[in-house]
Protein backbone atom coordinates (compact mmCIF):
# COMPACT_ATOMS: atom_id res chain seq x y z
CA UNK A 1 -0.20 -0.41 0.03
CA UNK A 2 1.45 3.71 -0.98
CA UNK A 3 1.20 6.24 1.06
CA UNK A 4 -2.26 8.01 0.91
CA UNK A 5 -3.46 11.78 1.30
CA UNK A 6 -6.90 12.37 3.17
CA UNK A 7 -8.42 15.56 4.47
CA UNK A 8 -8.14 15.98 8.15
CA UNK A 9 -11.02 15.45 10.18
CA UNK A 10 -10.75 16.64 13.61
CA UNK A 11 -12.56 14.69 16.85
CA UNK A 12 -13.43 16.48 20.09
CA UNK A 13 -14.31 13.35 22.66
CA UNK A 14 -11.03 13.40 24.13
CA UNK A 15 -9.78 16.10 26.50
CA UNK A 16 -6.12 16.12 27.84
CA UNK A 17 -5.51 15.27 31.23
CA UNK A 18 -4.17 18.49 33.39
CA UNK A 19 -1.12 16.87 34.05
CA UNK A 20 -0.12 15.56 30.47
CA UNK A 21 1.47 17.57 27.76
CA UNK A 22 2.27 14.53 25.54
CA UNK A 23 2.05 15.07 21.61
CA UNK A 24 0.31 11.80 21.67
CA UNK A 25 -2.48 11.45 24.16
CA UNK A 26 -3.03 8.13 25.74
CA UNK A 27 -6.48 6.61 25.34
CA UNK A 28 -8.68 3.92 27.73
CA UNK A 29 -9.42 0.96 25.50
CA UNK A 30 -12.69 -0.49 24.41
CA UNK A 31 -12.85 -4.02 25.70
CA UNK A 32 -15.39 -6.57 23.91
CA UNK A 33 -18.52 -7.04 25.55
CA UNK A 34 -17.59 -10.71 26.23
CA UNK A 35 -14.42 -9.49 27.69
CA UNK A 36 -13.58 -9.60 31.26
CA UNK A 37 -13.41 -5.98 32.68
CA UNK A 38 -9.42 -5.16 32.99
CA UNK A 39 -7.67 -4.97 36.03
CA UNK A 40 -6.91 -1.51 36.58
CA UNK A 41 -2.94 0.17 36.65
CA UNK A 42 -1.18 1.00 38.80
CA UNK A 43 -0.15 5.29 38.26
CA UNK A 44 2.44 7.73 38.64
CA UNK A 45 4.39 10.75 37.23
CA UNK A 46 7.19 12.49 37.70
CA UNK A 47 8.62 16.09 35.92
CA UNK A 48 12.45 15.40 34.17
CA UNK A 49 13.40 16.36 30.88
CA UNK A 50 11.66 19.46 30.97
CA UNK A 51 8.14 17.73 30.83
CA UNK A 52 5.54 15.44 32.64
CA UNK A 53 6.40 11.73 32.36
CA UNK A 54 3.10 9.38 33.43
CA UNK A 55 3.43 5.88 33.78
CA UNK A 56 0.68 3.59 33.59
CA UNK A 57 1.76 0.06 34.48
CA UNK A 58 -0.20 -3.14 35.31
CA UNK A 59 0.94 -6.23 37.54
CA UNK A 60 3.30 -4.12 39.83
CA UNK A 61 2.22 -1.23 42.02
CA UNK A 62 5.87 -0.32 42.98
CA UNK A 63 7.22 0.02 39.67
CA UNK A 64 6.11 3.13 39.29
CA UNK A 65 8.16 4.90 41.71
CA UNK A 66 11.11 2.41 40.21
CA UNK A 67 10.36 4.26 36.98
CA UNK A 68 10.42 7.75 38.59
CA UNK A 69 14.21 6.91 40.21
CA UNK A 70 15.23 6.35 36.76
CA UNK A 71 13.84 9.25 35.06
CA UNK A 72 16.06 11.24 37.74
CA UNK A 73 18.85 9.51 37.20
CA UNK A 74 18.87 9.80 33.35
CA UNK A 75 17.61 13.52 33.86
CA UNK A 76 20.85 14.03 35.84
CA UNK A 77 22.97 12.73 33.31
CA UNK A 78 21.24 14.05 30.09
CA UNK A 79 20.31 17.95 31.27
CA UNK A 80 22.00 20.59 28.83
CA UNK A 81 21.40 23.29 31.32
CA UNK A 82 22.44 21.77 34.56
CA UNK A 83 26.25 22.69 34.56
CA UNK A 84 26.50 19.21 36.59
CA UNK A 85 25.49 16.51 33.93
CA UNK A 86 27.65 14.83 31.75
CA UNK A 87 26.23 16.43 28.72
CA UNK A 88 27.10 20.06 30.41
CA UNK A 89 30.76 19.01 31.14
CA UNK A 90 31.30 17.92 28.12
CA UNK A 91 30.04 20.99 26.32
CA UNK A 92 32.04 22.90 28.58
CA UNK A 93 35.69 20.72 28.12
CA UNK A 94 36.38 22.73 24.88
CA UNK A 95 37.47 20.13 23.35
CA UNK A 96 38.97 17.52 26.59
CA UNK A 97 38.03 14.43 27.07
CA UNK A 98 35.89 14.44 29.74
CA UNK A 99 34.94 10.84 31.72
CA UNK A 100 31.28 9.76 31.53
CA UNK A 101 28.39 7.40 32.71
CA UNK A 102 27.91 4.02 31.06
CA UNK A 103 24.00 5.18 30.39
CA UNK A 104 26.00 8.38 28.78
CA UNK A 105 28.32 6.36 26.40
CA UNK A 106 25.51 4.04 25.50
CA UNK A 107 23.17 7.09 24.27
CA UNK A 108 25.86 8.92 22.56
CA UNK A 109 26.88 5.62 20.50
CA UNK A 110 22.84 5.36 19.75
CA UNK A 111 23.19 8.79 18.75
CA UNK A 112 25.78 8.82 16.53
CA UNK A 113 24.11 6.19 14.83
CA UNK A 114 20.77 8.19 14.33
CA UNK A 115 23.11 10.94 12.87
CA UNK A 116 24.90 8.85 10.37
CA UNK A 117 21.92 7.45 9.09
CA UNK A 118 20.02 11.17 8.89
CA UNK A 119 22.60 12.12 6.32
CA UNK A 120 22.66 16.13 7.61
CA UNK A 121 18.92 16.22 8.76
CA UNK A 122 19.50 15.39 12.82
CA UNK A 123 22.63 16.49 14.19
CA UNK A 124 22.86 16.15 18.00
CA UNK A 125 26.49 19.09 17.79
CA UNK A 126 23.39 21.30 17.01
CA UNK A 127 23.90 22.92 20.85
CA UNK A 128 26.04 24.89 18.91
CA UNK A 129 23.14 27.04 17.47
CA UNK A 130 20.00 25.83 19.34
CA UNK A 131 21.98 27.24 22.66
CA UNK A 132 22.04 30.76 20.74
CA UNK A 133 17.67 30.32 20.86
CA UNK A 134 15.66 31.44 23.72
CA UNK A 135 12.52 29.77 23.13
CA UNK A 136 10.89 30.53 26.37
CA UNK A 137 12.00 34.49 26.53
CA UNK A 138 11.24 34.29 22.66
CA UNK A 139 14.72 35.79 21.44
CA UNK A 140 16.42 34.67 18.09
CA UNK A 141 19.87 35.22 17.67
CA UNK A 142 21.39 37.27 15.31
CA UNK A 143 22.13 36.20 11.35
CA UNK A 144 25.48 36.47 13.02
CA UNK A 145 25.92 34.60 15.46
CA UNK A 146 23.91 32.08 13.62
CA UNK A 147 26.68 31.84 10.93
CA UNK A 148 29.48 32.00 13.10
CA UNK A 149 28.06 28.87 15.28
CA UNK A 150 26.73 26.61 12.19
CA UNK A 151 30.76 24.81 11.33
CA UNK A 152 30.84 23.80 14.54
CA UNK A 153 27.91 21.51 14.09
CA UNK A 154 29.11 18.00 12.91
CA UNK A 155 28.51 14.74 14.70
CA UNK A 156 31.39 13.15 13.35
CA UNK A 157 33.50 15.09 15.69
CA UNK A 158 32.22 13.08 18.96
CA UNK A 159 34.58 10.79 20.06
CA UNK A 160 33.95 7.84 22.21
CA UNK A 161 35.86 5.98 24.30
CA UNK A 162 34.03 2.62 25.49
CA UNK A 163 36.75 0.99 27.58
CA UNK A 164 37.84 4.26 29.83
CA UNK A 165 33.99 5.54 29.42
CA UNK A 166 35.36 8.99 28.21
CA UNK A 167 33.75 11.13 25.37
CA UNK A 168 35.65 14.15 23.63
CA UNK A 169 34.41 16.81 21.19
CA UNK A 170 37.58 17.19 18.68
CA UNK A 171 36.05 20.94 17.87
CA UNK A 172 36.33 22.78 21.35
CA UNK A 173 33.42 24.93 20.11
CA UNK A 174 31.03 21.96 19.39
CA UNK A 175 28.14 21.02 22.06
CA UNK A 176 25.76 18.53 22.08
CA UNK A 177 21.95 18.80 22.75
CA UNK A 178 20.46 15.79 23.16
CA UNK A 179 16.84 16.98 23.39
CA UNK A 180 16.16 14.87 19.62
CA UNK A 181 16.93 11.79 21.22
CA UNK A 182 17.28 11.06 25.17
CA UNK A 183 13.78 10.79 25.62
CA UNK A 184 13.19 7.79 23.16
CA UNK A 185 16.32 6.21 24.42
CA UNK A 186 15.25 6.88 28.32
CA UNK A 187 11.67 5.08 27.34
CA UNK A 188 13.38 1.92 25.84
CA UNK A 189 15.79 2.05 29.37
CA UNK A 190 12.76 2.23 31.32
CA UNK A 191 11.34 -0.45 29.19
CA UNK A 192 13.96 -2.77 30.14
CA UNK A 193 13.81 -1.85 33.36
CA UNK A 194 9.94 -2.78 33.77
CA UNK A 195 11.23 -6.29 32.04
CA UNK A 196 14.12 -7.27 34.23
CA UNK A 197 13.59 -5.89 37.49
CA UNK A 198 9.59 -5.82 38.00
CA UNK A 199 6.83 -8.67 37.93
CA UNK A 200 5.04 -5.94 35.48
CA UNK A 201 2.80 -7.50 32.47
CA UNK A 202 2.10 -4.13 30.72
CA UNK A 203 2.56 -0.40 31.02
CA UNK A 204 2.22 2.67 28.71
CA UNK A 205 4.86 5.13 29.20
CA UNK A 206 4.71 8.87 28.29
CA UNK A 207 7.70 11.11 28.18
CA UNK A 208 6.19 14.46 26.62
CA UNK A 209 5.85 13.42 23.11
CA UNK A 210 6.86 9.88 23.58
CA UNK A 211 4.79 7.06 23.91
CA UNK A 212 6.26 3.53 24.83
CA UNK A 213 4.42 0.30 25.22
CA UNK A 214 5.39 -2.83 27.02
CA UNK A 215 3.91 -5.87 27.29
CA UNK A 216 0.29 -6.61 27.26
CA UNK A 217 -3.44 -5.46 28.05
CA UNK A 218 -4.74 -7.53 30.88
CA UNK A 219 -8.24 -7.78 28.51
CA UNK A 220 -5.95 -8.62 25.17
CA UNK A 221 -6.89 -5.76 23.00
CA UNK A 222 -4.22 -3.38 21.43
CA UNK A 223 -2.64 -0.33 23.24
CA UNK A 224 -4.58 2.55 22.05
CA UNK A 225 -3.18 6.55 21.51
CA UNK A 226 -4.76 9.24 20.09
CA UNK A 227 -2.92 11.65 17.52
CA UNK A 228 -3.13 14.75 18.48
CA UNK A 229 -4.21 17.43 15.98
CA UNK A 230 -1.45 20.25 15.50
CA UNK A 231 -3.91 22.52 14.23
CA UNK A 232 -6.36 22.69 16.27
CA UNK A 233 -7.36 25.35 19.24
CA UNK A 234 -6.46 24.43 22.18
CA UNK A 235 -4.82 21.29 21.73
CA UNK A 236 -7.57 19.25 22.92
CA UNK A 237 -8.44 17.37 19.87
CA UNK A 238 -7.22 14.21 18.38
CA UNK A 239 -7.48 13.03 14.32
CA UNK A 240 -7.65 9.60 15.11
CA UNK A 241 -6.47 6.84 17.03
CA UNK A 242 -3.60 3.91 16.53
CA UNK A 243 -3.64 1.21 17.37
CA UNK A 244 -0.35 -0.92 18.49
CA UNK A 245 0.37 -3.87 20.56
CA UNK A 246 4.18 -3.27 20.98
CA UNK A 247 6.57 -0.35 20.58
CA UNK A 248 6.77 3.42 20.80
CA UNK A 249 4.67 6.16 19.28
CA UNK A 250 6.71 9.41 19.07
CA UNK A 251 5.35 12.99 17.82
CA UNK A 252 6.95 16.07 17.13
CA UNK A 253 5.31 18.98 16.20
CA UNK A 254 5.95 22.76 15.55
CA UNK A 255 3.62 23.64 18.35
CA UNK A 256 5.98 22.41 21.01
CA UNK A 257 7.66 25.87 21.90
CA UNK A 258 6.92 28.44 19.79
CA UNK A 259 7.48 32.60 20.03
CA UNK A 260 6.58 35.12 17.63
CA UNK A 261 8.84 38.30 16.95
CA UNK A 262 8.44 41.06 14.11
CA UNK A 263 5.70 38.77 12.79
CA UNK A 264 7.56 35.90 12.18
CA UNK A 265 6.95 32.71 14.02
CA UNK A 266 9.70 30.57 15.17
CA UNK A 267 9.49 27.04 16.30
CA UNK A 268 12.30 24.66 18.15
CA UNK A 269 13.03 22.34 15.94
CA UNK A 270 16.13 23.73 14.01
CA UNK A 271 17.10 22.81 10.67
CA UNK A 272 20.96 21.37 11.44
CA UNK A 273 21.88 22.79 7.82
CA UNK A 274 20.86 26.46 8.14
CA UNK A 275 20.83 27.10 12.23
CA UNK A 276 17.14 28.59 12.03
CA UNK A 277 13.35 26.59 12.33
CA UNK A 278 13.17 23.96 9.95
CA UNK A 279 11.21 25.28 6.45
CA UNK A 280 8.82 22.40 6.29
CA UNK A 281 5.41 21.90 5.34
CA UNK A 282 4.56 19.55 7.94
CA UNK A 283 2.95 20.36 11.32
CA UNK A 284 3.40 17.34 12.99
CA UNK A 285 4.98 13.80 12.69
CA UNK A 286 3.95 10.72 14.51
CA UNK A 287 6.65 8.14 13.86
CA UNK A 288 5.86 4.59 15.00
CA UNK A 289 9.03 2.42 15.64
CA UNK A 290 10.08 -0.93 17.54
CA UNK A 291 12.77 1.48 19.34
CA UNK A 292 11.71 4.08 21.01
CA UNK A 293 15.20 5.51 20.47
CA UNK A 294 14.86 5.18 16.62
CA UNK A 295 11.19 6.54 16.74
CA UNK A 296 12.20 9.84 18.67
CA UNK A 297 15.29 10.89 16.20
CA UNK A 298 13.16 9.42 13.39
CA UNK A 299 10.01 11.75 14.50
CA UNK A 300 12.57 15.07 13.67
CA UNK A 301 14.69 13.86 11.26
CA UNK A 302 10.87 13.06 8.84
CA UNK A 303 10.19 16.76 10.12
CA UNK A 304 13.00 18.27 8.93
CA UNK A 305 12.67 16.19 6.06
CA UNK A 306 8.90 17.26 4.58
CA UNK A 307 6.37 14.59 3.76
CA UNK A 308 7.53 13.45 0.74
CA UNK A 309 11.06 12.56 1.71
CA UNK A 310 10.01 11.91 5.31
CA UNK A 311 7.76 9.23 4.16
CA UNK A 312 10.40 7.81 1.47
CA UNK A 313 12.53 7.49 4.85
CA UNK A 314 10.14 5.58 6.46
CA UNK A 315 9.12 3.18 4.22
CA UNK A 316 12.58 2.39 4.08
CA UNK A 317 12.86 1.23 7.50
CA UNK A 318 11.72 -2.06 8.87
CA UNK A 319 8.47 -2.25 11.43
CA UNK A 320 8.39 1.58 10.85
CA UNK A 321 5.42 3.79 9.73
CA UNK A 322 4.74 7.66 9.93
CA UNK A 323 1.79 9.81 10.09
CA UNK A 324 2.08 13.34 8.97
CA UNK A 325 -0.07 16.40 9.80
CA UNK A 326 0.64 19.26 7.12
CA UNK A 327 -0.10 22.67 7.70
CA UNK A 328 -2.66 23.09 5.62
CA UNK A 329 -4.35 20.58 7.06
CA UNK A 330 -3.83 17.36 5.26
CA UNK A 331 -2.61 14.10 6.19
CA UNK A 332 0.50 12.00 4.58
CA UNK A 333 0.91 8.28 5.91
CA UNK A 334 3.52 5.97 4.72
CA UNK A 335 3.12 2.71 3.31
CA UNK A 336 2.97 0.59 6.18
CA UNK A 337 0.86 3.06 8.67
CA UNK A 338 -2.51 1.80 8.62
CA UNK A 339 -1.46 -1.87 7.85
CA UNK A 340 0.99 -1.39 11.81
CA UNK A 341 -1.40 0.94 13.19
CA UNK A 342 -4.91 0.14 12.46
CA UNK A 343 -5.36 4.07 12.20
CA UNK A 344 -8.98 5.75 12.67
């Protein structure tokens, strides 16, 4: 089945929970009339990675607290703006090697692989440019500042010594920014924790726009996730529901962090080739992948690529699909989106 374009139909049958700022919204499934009532999950939440993280776990009442502790651990390693974190220390080392946690090495190895596959559309050394932008205060850097930082965006300059657990940036002015992949990596590690250290039988983990699905629902039904309408007022509408049994759904959208200046709207997803907010036909893209790490990096990559090239990239990857909502309200599905999600 090839990619399709459809007019987008907004629905008002789901309202976001007050604490949930996720781009993809978890829906409770509807069981068959003859199915037994599902057991209730134990829920928990924490604030990490500059977003609310929520956990809904079946089979282990202590698991949400374990997940929250793990989030705090990873946040302490990867927070770009915490001078004690591994990432901040690497950025401040001016080209000198820095001893880091094994989890940081693991993430950076995965991130470098994603950068290589993205062919310039995704680069974790975008920090040289992204730190010049202030989306909270609504300030953009000068064109001269961007032009001066761009030569320092090149993931190939990341040197990793796996044995010594040391990381070095060959360019002293380069800076890491793992905002486009860290939450996906963490979601995968949280699923590993559930699998190996708890008795959980199923779970939905929401880290901002990253949804990771673990195990099975008690009633045997697929997990259901609503896809937010990025063009709708208030962010309370969904355009449809994806039904999947495993994997991760990650959404990137131009509405996440934006500001307007001089009549121009700027959003936080930057093009590594220009240092400016990406020029794209896409308002949001949702990626389904067995790996949340891959889905996270891909959602940014496909957003930068645009719907046409982005669909081709998704189609070339096994067990991967993407759903694009365009700025003009139309939608585009990659070839396997319906097959893998039963989206409606």
